[in-house]
PDB file of all heavy atoms in Angstrom:
ATOM      1  N   PHE A   1      -9.339  -3.757  -2.811  1.00  0.00           N
ATOM      2  CA  PHE A   1      -9.398  -2.699  -1.799  1.00  0.00           C
ATOM      3  C   PHE A   1      -9.507  -1.322  -2.443  1.00  0.00           C
ATOM      4  O   PHE A   1     -10.219  -0.451  -1.956  1.00  0.00           O
ATOM      5  CB  PHE A   1      -8.145  -2.754  -0.922  1.00  0.00           C
ATOM      6  CG  PHE A   1      -8.081  -3.972  -0.027  1.00  0.00           C
ATOM      7  CD1 PHE A   1      -6.924  -4.236   0.713  1.00  0.00           C
ATOM      8  CD2 PHE A   1      -9.137  -4.850   0.073  1.00  0.00           C
ATOM      9  CE1 PHE A   1      -6.845  -5.353   1.529  1.00  0.00           C
ATOM     10  CE2 PHE A   1      -9.071  -5.975   0.884  1.00  0.00           C
ATOM     11  CZ  PHE A   1      -7.917  -6.227   1.611  1.00  0.00           C
ATOM     12  N   GLU A   2      -8.791  -1.107  -3.541  1.00  0.00           N
ATOM     13  CA  GLU A   2      -8.852   0.188  -4.211  1.00  0.00           C
ATOM     14  C   GLU A   2     -10.231   0.442  -4.805  1.00  0.00           C
ATOM     15  O   GLU A   2     -10.690   1.584  -4.853  1.00  0.00           O
ATOM     16  CB  GLU A   2      -7.791   0.254  -5.312  1.00  0.00           C
ATOM     17  CG  GLU A   2      -6.375   0.384  -4.774  1.00  0.00           C
ATOM     18  CD  GLU A   2      -5.327   0.369  -5.871  1.00  0.00           C
ATOM     19  OE1 GLU A   2      -5.693   0.087  -7.034  1.00  0.00           O
ATOM     20  OE2 GLU A   2      -4.150   0.643  -5.569  1.00  0.00           O
ATOM     21  N   GLY A   3     -10.899  -0.619  -5.254  1.00  0.00           N
ATOM     22  CA  GLY A   3     -12.230  -0.455  -5.828  1.00  0.00           C
ATOM     23  C   GLY A   3     -13.331  -0.292  -4.797  1.00  0.00           C
ATOM     24  O   GLY A   3     -14.451   0.084  -5.146  1.00  0.00           O
ATOM     25  N   ASP A   4     -13.025  -0.568  -3.521  1.00  0.00           N
ATOM     26  CA  ASP A   4     -14.026  -0.444  -2.466  1.00  0.00           C
ATOM     27  C   ASP A   4     -14.190   1.018  -2.067  1.00  0.00           C
ATOM     28  O   ASP A   4     -13.209   1.755  -1.938  1.00  0.00           O
ATOM     29  CB  ASP A   4     -13.607  -1.266  -1.248  1.00  0.00           C
ATOM     30  CG  ASP A   4     -14.577  -1.112  -0.101  1.00  0.00           C
ATOM     31  OD1 ASP A   4     -15.647  -1.735  -0.152  1.00  0.00           O
ATOM     32  OD2 ASP A   4     -14.260  -0.352   0.825  1.00  0.00           O
ATOM     33  N   LEU A   5     -15.429   1.443  -1.844  1.00  0.00           N
ATOM     34  CA  LEU A   5     -15.702   2.828  -1.464  1.00  0.00           C
ATOM     35  C   LEU A   5     -16.178   2.966  -0.029  1.00  0.00           C
ATOM     36  O   LEU A   5     -16.320   4.078   0.468  1.00  0.00           O
ATOM     37  CB  LEU A   5     -16.768   3.424  -2.400  1.00  0.00           C
ATOM     38  CG  LEU A   5     -16.425   3.437  -3.895  1.00  0.00           C
ATOM     39  CD1 LEU A   5     -17.554   4.085  -4.678  1.00  0.00           C
ATOM     40  CD2 LEU A   5     -15.115   4.147  -4.146  1.00  0.00           C
ATOM     41  N   SER A   6     -16.424   1.853   0.646  1.00  0.00           N
ATOM     42  CA  SER A   6     -16.976   1.925   1.999  1.00  0.00           C
ATOM     43  C   SER A   6     -15.892   2.001   3.063  1.00  0.00           C
ATOM     44  O   SER A   6     -16.112   2.536   4.146  1.00  0.00           O
ATOM     45  CB  SER A   6     -17.856   0.698   2.266  1.00  0.00           C
ATOM     46  OG  SER A   6     -17.078  -0.488   2.247  1.00  0.00           O
ATOM     47  N   GLY A   7     -14.718   1.444   2.795  1.00  0.00           N
ATOM     48  CA  GLY A   7     -13.646   1.432   3.784  1.00  0.00           C
ATOM     49  C   GLY A   7     -13.656   0.233   4.691  1.00  0.00           C
ATOM     50  O   GLY A   7     -12.711   0.009   5.436  1.00  0.00           O
ATOM     51  N   CYS A   8     -14.734  -0.569   4.633  1.00  0.00           N
ATOM     52  CA  CYS A   8     -14.834  -1.793   5.439  1.00  0.00           C
ATOM     53  C   CYS A   8     -15.310  -2.930   4.544  1.00  0.00           C
ATOM     54  O   CYS A   8     -16.280  -2.772   3.799  1.00  0.00           O
ATOM     55  CB  CYS A   8     -15.812  -1.602   6.599  1.00  0.00           C
ATOM     56  SG  CYS A   8     -15.294  -0.362   7.812  1.00  0.00           S
ATOM     57  N   ILE A   9     -14.619  -4.055   4.621  1.00  0.00           N
ATOM     58  CA  ILE A   9     -14.942  -5.199   3.763  1.00  0.00           C
ATOM     59  C   ILE A   9     -15.115  -6.432   4.631  1.00  0.00           C
ATOM     60  O   ILE A   9     -14.273  -6.723   5.478  1.00  0.00           O
ATOM     61  CB  ILE A   9     -13.813  -5.444   2.741  1.00  0.00           C
ATOM     62  CG1 ILE A   9     -13.576  -4.183   1.903  1.00  0.00           C
ATOM     63  CG2 ILE A   9     -14.142  -6.624   1.841  1.00  0.00           C
ATOM     64  CD1 ILE A   9     -12.371  -4.282   1.003  1.00  0.00           C
ATOM     65  N   GLN A  10     -16.178  -7.145   4.431  1.00  0.00           N
ATOM     66  CA  GLN A  10     -16.428  -8.355   5.210  1.00  0.00           C
ATOM     67  C   GLN A  10     -15.678  -9.541   4.611  1.00  0.00           C
ATOM     68  O   GLN A  10     -15.520  -9.648   3.389  1.00  0.00           O
ATOM     69  CB  GLN A  10     -17.931  -8.656   5.256  1.00  0.00           C
ATOM     70  CG  GLN A  10     -18.737  -7.587   5.967  1.00  0.00           C
ATOM     71  CD  GLN A  10     -20.184  -7.984   6.172  1.00  0.00           C
ATOM     72  OE1 GLN A  10     -20.512  -9.160   6.142  1.00  0.00           O
ATOM     73  NE2 GLN A  10     -21.038  -6.998   6.403  1.00  0.00           N
ATOM     74  N   TYR A  11     -15.253 -10.438   5.483  1.00  0.00           N
ATOM     75  CA  TYR A  11     -14.493 -11.608   5.039  1.00  0.00           C
ATOM     76  C   TYR A  11     -15.315 -12.478   4.089  1.00  0.00           C
ATOM     77  O   TYR A  11     -14.777 -13.039   3.129  1.00  0.00           O
ATOM     78  CB  TYR A  11     -14.049 -12.446   6.239  1.00  0.00           C
ATOM     79  CG  TYR A  11     -13.025 -11.779   7.110  1.00  0.00           C
ATOM     80  CD1 TYR A  11     -13.275 -11.520   8.449  1.00  0.00           C
ATOM     81  CD2 TYR A  11     -11.785 -11.412   6.596  1.00  0.00           C
ATOM     82  CE1 TYR A  11     -12.335 -10.905   9.249  1.00  0.00           C
ATOM     83  CE2 TYR A  11     -10.836 -10.802   7.386  1.00  0.00           C
ATOM     84  CZ  TYR A  11     -11.113 -10.541   8.717  1.00  0.00           C
ATOM     85  OH  TYR A  11     -10.177  -9.932   9.516  1.00  0.00           O
ATOM     86  N   ARG A  12     -16.598 -12.592   4.356  1.00  0.00           N
ATOM     87  CA  ARG A  12     -17.406 -13.487   3.517  1.00  0.00           C
ATOM     88  C   ARG A  12     -17.526 -12.969   2.089  1.00  0.00           C
ATOM     89  O   ARG A  12     -17.661 -13.757   1.150  1.00  0.00           O
ATOM     90  CB  ARG A  12     -18.790 -13.685   4.136  1.00  0.00           C
ATOM     91  CG  ARG A  12     -19.690 -12.471   4.154  1.00  0.00           C
ATOM     92  CD  ARG A  12     -21.117 -12.861   4.549  1.00  0.00           C
ATOM     93  NE  ARG A  12     -22.013 -11.724   4.541  1.00  0.00           N
ATOM     94  CZ  ARG A  12     -22.281 -10.981   5.600  1.00  0.00           C
ATOM     95  NH1 ARG A  12     -21.719 -11.259   6.766  1.00  0.00           N
ATOM     96  NH2 ARG A  12     -23.129  -9.961   5.507  1.00  0.00           N
ATOM     97  N   ASP A  13     -17.449 -11.627   1.914  1.00  0.00           N
ATOM     98  CA  ASP A  13     -17.483 -11.080   0.559  1.00  0.00           C
ATOM     99  C   ASP A  13     -16.237 -11.476  -0.217  1.00  0.00           C
ATOM    100  O   ASP A  13     -16.308 -11.930  -1.363  1.00  0.00           O
ATOM    101  CB  ASP A  13     -17.596  -9.555   0.616  1.00  0.00           C
ATOM    102  CG  ASP A  13     -18.948  -9.092   1.153  1.00  0.00           C
ATOM    103  OD1 ASP A  13     -19.860  -9.938   1.253  1.00  0.00           O
ATOM    104  OD2 ASP A  13     -19.083  -7.898   1.471  1.00  0.00           O
ATOM    105  N   LEU A  14     -15.087 -11.303   0.413  1.00  0.00           N
ATOM    106  CA  LEU A  14     -13.835 -11.693  -0.240  1.00  0.00           C
ATOM    107  C   LEU A  14     -13.771 -13.197  -0.451  1.00  0.00           C
ATOM    108  O   LEU A  14     -13.227 -13.670  -1.451  1.00  0.00           O
ATOM    109  CB  LEU A  14     -12.636 -11.233   0.598  1.00  0.00           C
ATOM    110  CG  LEU A  14     -12.146  -9.804   0.356  1.00  0.00           C
ATOM    111  CD1 LEU A  14     -11.028  -9.468   1.325  1.00  0.00           C
ATOM    112  CD2 LEU A  14     -11.672  -9.624  -1.063  1.00  0.00           C
ATOM    113  N   ALA A  15     -14.318 -13.944   0.493  1.00  0.00           N
ATOM    114  CA  ALA A  15     -14.296 -15.398   0.366  1.00  0.00           C
ATOM    115  C   ALA A  15     -15.078 -15.849  -0.862  1.00  0.00           C
ATOM    116  O   ALA A  15     -14.648 -16.734  -1.603  1.00  0.00           O
ATOM    117  CB  ALA A  15     -14.870 -16.050   1.627  1.00  0.00           C
ATOM    118  N   GLU A  16     -16.239 -15.226  -1.099  1.00  0.00           N
ATOM    119  CA  GLU A  16     -17.041 -15.603  -2.264  1.00  0.00           C
ATOM    120  C   GLU A  16     -16.358 -15.191  -3.561  1.00  0.00           C
ATOM    121  O   GLU A  16     -16.404 -15.914  -4.555  1.00  0.00           O
ATOM    122  CB  GLU A  16     -18.427 -14.960  -2.177  1.00  0.00           C
ATOM    123  CG  GLU A  16     -19.378 -15.450  -3.255  1.00  0.00           C
ATOM    124  CD  GLU A  16     -20.807 -14.994  -3.024  1.00  0.00           C
ATOM    125  OE1 GLU A  16     -21.089 -14.443  -1.941  1.00  0.00           O
ATOM    126  OE2 GLU A  16     -21.634 -15.202  -3.936  1.00  0.00           O
ATOM    127  N   VAL A  17     -15.697 -14.051  -3.550  1.00  0.00           N
ATOM    128  CA  VAL A  17     -14.986 -13.596  -4.743  1.00  0.00           C
ATOM    129  C   VAL A  17     -13.802 -14.503  -5.055  1.00  0.00           C
ATOM    130  O   VAL A  17     -13.568 -14.884  -6.209  1.00  0.00           O
ATOM    131  CB  VAL A  17     -14.509 -12.141  -4.557  1.00  0.00           C
ATOM    132  CG1 VAL A  17     -13.556 -11.736  -5.679  1.00  0.00           C
ATOM    133  CG2 VAL A  17     -15.702 -11.194  -4.516  1.00  0.00           C
ATOM    134  N   MET A  18     -13.057 -14.887  -4.016  1.00  0.00           N
ATOM    135  CA  MET A  18     -11.856 -15.699  -4.208  1.00  0.00           C
ATOM    136  C   MET A  18     -12.164 -17.185  -4.362  1.00  0.00           C
ATOM    137  O   MET A  18     -11.328 -17.946  -4.845  1.00  0.00           O
ATOM    138  CB  MET A  18     -10.914 -15.513  -3.013  1.00  0.00           C
ATOM    139  CG  MET A  18     -10.354 -14.095  -2.868  1.00  0.00           C
ATOM    140  SD  MET A  18      -9.192 -13.681  -4.163  1.00  0.00           S
ATOM    141  CE  MET A  18      -7.802 -14.720  -3.715  1.00  0.00           C
ATOM    142  N   GLY A  19     -13.341 -17.605  -3.909  1.00  0.00           N
ATOM    143  CA  GLY A  19     -13.681 -19.021  -3.979  1.00  0.00           C
ATOM    144  C   GLY A  19     -13.032 -19.849  -2.893  1.00  0.00           C
ATOM    145  O   GLY A  19     -12.783 -21.049  -3.078  1.00  0.00           O
ATOM    146  N   ILE A  20     -12.719 -19.220  -1.752  1.00  0.00           N
ATOM    147  CA  ILE A  20     -12.114 -19.919  -0.623  1.00  0.00           C
ATOM    148  C   ILE A  20     -12.921 -19.579   0.628  1.00  0.00           C
ATOM    149  O   ILE A  20     -13.847 -18.770   0.593  1.00  0.00           O
ATOM    150  CB  ILE A  20     -10.632 -19.537  -0.441  1.00  0.00           C
ATOM    151  CG1 ILE A  20     -10.483 -18.018  -0.241  1.00  0.00           C
ATOM    152  CG2 ILE A  20      -9.806 -19.975  -1.644  1.00  0.00           C
ATOM    153  CD1 ILE A  20      -9.044 -17.567  -0.031  1.00  0.00           C
ATOM    154  N   SER A  21     -12.556 -20.198   1.755  1.00  0.00           N
ATOM    155  CA  SER A  21     -13.294 -19.957   2.996  1.00  0.00           C
ATOM    156  C   SER A  21     -12.917 -18.610   3.601  1.00  0.00           C
ATOM    157  O   SER A  21     -11.831 -18.076   3.348  1.00  0.00           O
ATOM    158  CB  SER A  21     -13.001 -21.066   4.007  1.00  0.00           C
ATOM    159  OG  SER A  21     -11.645 -21.020   4.419  1.00  0.00           O
ATOM    160  N   ALA A  22     -13.820 -18.071   4.418  1.00  0.00           N
ATOM    161  CA  ALA A  22     -13.562 -16.795   5.091  1.00  0.00           C
ATOM    162  C   ALA A  22     -12.378 -16.917   6.049  1.00  0.00           C
ATOM    163  O   ALA A  22     -11.592 -15.974   6.202  1.00  0.00           O
ATOM    164  CB  ALA A  22     -14.815 -16.339   5.840  1.00  0.00           C
ATOM    165  N   ALA A  23     -12.228 -18.078   6.696  1.00  0.00           N
ATOM    166  CA  ALA A  23     -11.106 -18.284   7.614  1.00  0.00           C
ATOM    167  C   ALA A  23      -9.776 -18.219   6.857  1.00  0.00           C
ATOM    168  O   ALA A  23      -8.792 -17.655   7.346  1.00  0.00           O
ATOM    169  CB  ALA A  23     -11.250 -19.622   8.330  1.00  0.00           C
ATOM    170  N   ARG A  24      -9.761 -18.782   5.675  1.00  0.00           N
ATOM    171  CA  ARG A  24      -8.526 -18.754   4.876  1.00  0.00           C
ATOM    172  C   ARG A  24      -8.207 -17.336   4.415  1.00  0.00           C
ATOM    173  O   ARG A  24      -7.040 -16.935   4.383  1.00  0.00           O
ATOM    174  CB  ARG A  24      -8.677 -19.681   3.672  1.00  0.00           C
ATOM    175  CG  ARG A  24      -7.400 -19.844   2.863  1.00  0.00           C
ATOM    176  CD  ARG A  24      -7.584 -20.875   1.767  1.00  0.00           C
ATOM    177  NE  ARG A  24      -6.422 -20.929   0.906  1.00  0.00           N
ATOM    178  CZ  ARG A  24      -6.339 -21.685  -0.182  1.00  0.00           C
ATOM    179  NH1 ARG A  24      -7.364 -22.463  -0.515  1.00  0.00           N
ATOM    180  NH2 ARG A  24      -5.253 -21.674  -0.922  1.00  0.00           N
ATOM    181  N   VAL A  25      -9.235 -16.564   4.057  1.00  0.00           N
ATOM    182  CA  VAL A  25      -9.018 -15.157   3.688  1.00  0.00           C
ATOM    183  C   VAL A  25      -8.393 -14.401   4.850  1.00  0.00           C
ATOM    184  O   VAL A  25      -7.445 -13.629   4.677  1.00  0.00           O
ATOM    185  CB  VAL A  25     -10.347 -14.500   3.269  1.00  0.00           C
ATOM    186  CG1 VAL A  25     -10.187 -12.984   3.158  1.00  0.00           C
ATOM    187  CG2 VAL A  25     -10.827 -15.069   1.945  1.00  0.00           C
ATOM    188  N   ARG A  26      -8.909 -14.641   6.051  1.00  0.00           N
ATOM    189  CA  ARG A  26      -8.390 -13.945   7.230  1.00  0.00           C
ATOM    190  C   ARG A  26      -6.932 -14.310   7.474  1.00  0.00           C
ATOM    191  O   ARG A  26      -6.103 -13.430   7.746  1.00  0.00           O
ATOM    192  CB  ARG A  26      -9.243 -14.293   8.456  1.00  0.00           C
ATOM    193  CG  ARG A  26      -8.898 -13.478   9.693  1.00  0.00           C
ATOM    194  CD  ARG A  26      -9.858 -13.799  10.839  1.00  0.00           C
ATOM    195  NE  ARG A  26      -9.630 -12.919  11.958  1.00  0.00           N
ATOM    196  CZ  ARG A  26      -8.667 -13.074  12.875  1.00  0.00           C
ATOM    197  NH1 ARG A  26      -7.845 -14.114  12.775  1.00  0.00           N
ATOM    198  NH2 ARG A  26      -8.524 -12.222  13.862  1.00  0.00           N
ATOM    199  N   LEU A  27      -6.597 -15.596   7.372  1.00  0.00           N
ATOM    200  CA  LEU A  27      -5.212 -16.020   7.572  1.00  0.00           C
ATOM    201  C   LEU A  27      -4.292 -15.420   6.522  1.00  0.00           C
ATOM    202  O   LEU A  27      -3.172 -14.976   6.830  1.00  0.00           O
ATOM    203  CB  LEU A  27      -5.133 -17.545   7.543  1.00  0.00           C
ATOM    204  CG  LEU A  27      -5.688 -18.285   8.764  1.00  0.00           C
ATOM    205  CD1 LEU A  27      -5.646 -19.794   8.531  1.00  0.00           C
ATOM    206  CD2 LEU A  27      -4.889 -17.927  10.022  1.00  0.00           C
ATOM    207  N   GLN A  28      -4.750 -15.398   5.276  1.00  0.00           N
ATOM    208  CA  GLN A  28      -3.936 -14.814   4.215  1.00  0.00           C
ATOM    209  C   GLN A  28      -3.661 -13.340   4.479  1.00  0.00           C
ATOM    210  O   GLN A  28      -2.524 -12.880   4.354  1.00  0.00           O
ATOM    211  CB  GLN A  28      -4.632 -14.986   2.861  1.00  0.00           C
ATOM    212  CG  GLN A  28      -4.522 -16.379   2.275  1.00  0.00           C
ATOM    213  CD  GLN A  28      -5.103 -16.450   0.871  1.00  0.00           C
ATOM    214  OE1 GLN A  28      -5.816 -15.550   0.430  1.00  0.00           O
ATOM    215  NE2 GLN A  28      -4.817 -17.539   0.183  1.00  0.00           N
ATOM    216  N   LEU A  29      -4.698 -12.601   4.858  1.00  0.00           N
ATOM    217  CA  LEU A  29      -4.526 -11.167   5.072  1.00  0.00           C
ATOM    218  C   LEU A  29      -3.669 -10.879   6.304  1.00  0.00           C
ATOM    219  O   LEU A  29      -2.947  -9.881   6.343  1.00  0.00           O
ATOM    220  CB  LEU A  29      -5.888 -10.488   5.190  1.00  0.00           C
ATOM    221  CG  LEU A  29      -6.687 -10.432   3.883  1.00  0.00           C
ATOM    222  CD1 LEU A  29      -8.076  -9.854   4.129  1.00  0.00           C
ATOM    223  CD2 LEU A  29      -5.953  -9.606   2.847  1.00  0.00           C
ATOM    224  N   LEU A  30      -3.743 -11.739   7.320  1.00  0.00           N
ATOM    225  CA  LEU A  30      -2.846 -11.590   8.470  1.00  0.00           C
ATOM    226  C   LEU A  30      -1.387 -11.745   8.039  1.00  0.00           C
ATOM    227  O   LEU A  30      -0.510 -10.982   8.452  1.00  0.00           O
ATOM    228  CB  LEU A  30      -3.188 -12.630   9.536  1.00  0.00           C
ATOM    229  CG  LEU A  30      -4.340 -12.309  10.490  1.00  0.00           C
ATOM    230  CD1 LEU A  30      -4.682 -13.534  11.331  1.00  0.00           C
ATOM    231  CD2 LEU A  30      -3.972 -11.137  11.393  1.00  0.00           C
ATOM    232  N   PHE A  31      -1.129 -12.736   7.190  1.00  0.00           N
ATOM    233  CA  PHE A  31       0.224 -12.974   6.696  1.00  0.00           C
ATOM    234  C   PHE A  31       0.655 -11.886   5.709  1.00  0.00           C
ATOM    235  O   PHE A  31       1.782 -11.383   5.769  1.00  0.00           O
ATOM    236  CB  PHE A  31       0.284 -14.349   6.031  1.00  0.00           C
ATOM    237  CG  PHE A  31       1.592 -14.662   5.362  1.00  0.00           C
ATOM    238  CD1 PHE A  31       2.745 -14.813   6.107  1.00  0.00           C
ATOM    239  CD2 PHE A  31       1.657 -14.794   3.981  1.00  0.00           C
ATOM    240  CE1 PHE A  31       3.959 -15.092   5.494  1.00  0.00           C
ATOM    241  CE2 PHE A  31       2.854 -15.081   3.355  1.00  0.00           C
ATOM    242  CZ  PHE A  31       4.006 -15.226   4.113  1.00  0.00           C
ATOM    243  N   PHE A  32      -0.244 -11.517   4.800  1.00  0.00           N
ATOM    244  CA  PHE A  32       0.094 -10.532   3.778  1.00  0.00           C
ATOM    245  C   PHE A  32       0.430  -9.177   4.391  1.00  0.00           C
ATOM    246  O   PHE A  32       1.259  -8.441   3.853  1.00  0.00           O
ATOM    247  CB  PHE A  32      -1.065 -10.369   2.795  1.00  0.00           C
ATOM    248  CG  PHE A  32      -1.244 -11.536   1.855  1.00  0.00           C
ATOM    249  CD1 PHE A  32      -2.292 -11.560   0.953  1.00  0.00           C
ATOM    250  CD2 PHE A  32      -0.372 -12.616   1.880  1.00  0.00           C
ATOM    251  CE1 PHE A  32      -2.458 -12.629   0.089  1.00  0.00           C
ATOM    252  CE2 PHE A  32      -0.533 -13.693   1.029  1.00  0.00           C
ATOM    253  CZ  PHE A  32      -1.572 -13.699   0.140  1.00  0.00           C
TER     254      PHE A  32
END
């Protein structure tokens, strides 16, 4: 998030970086 300059990040981008599904990224961020 600190390295992002746009202020908006799509779930599929984080999913590809983390190697997990976009749905799992969303659940993690809801919990986090």
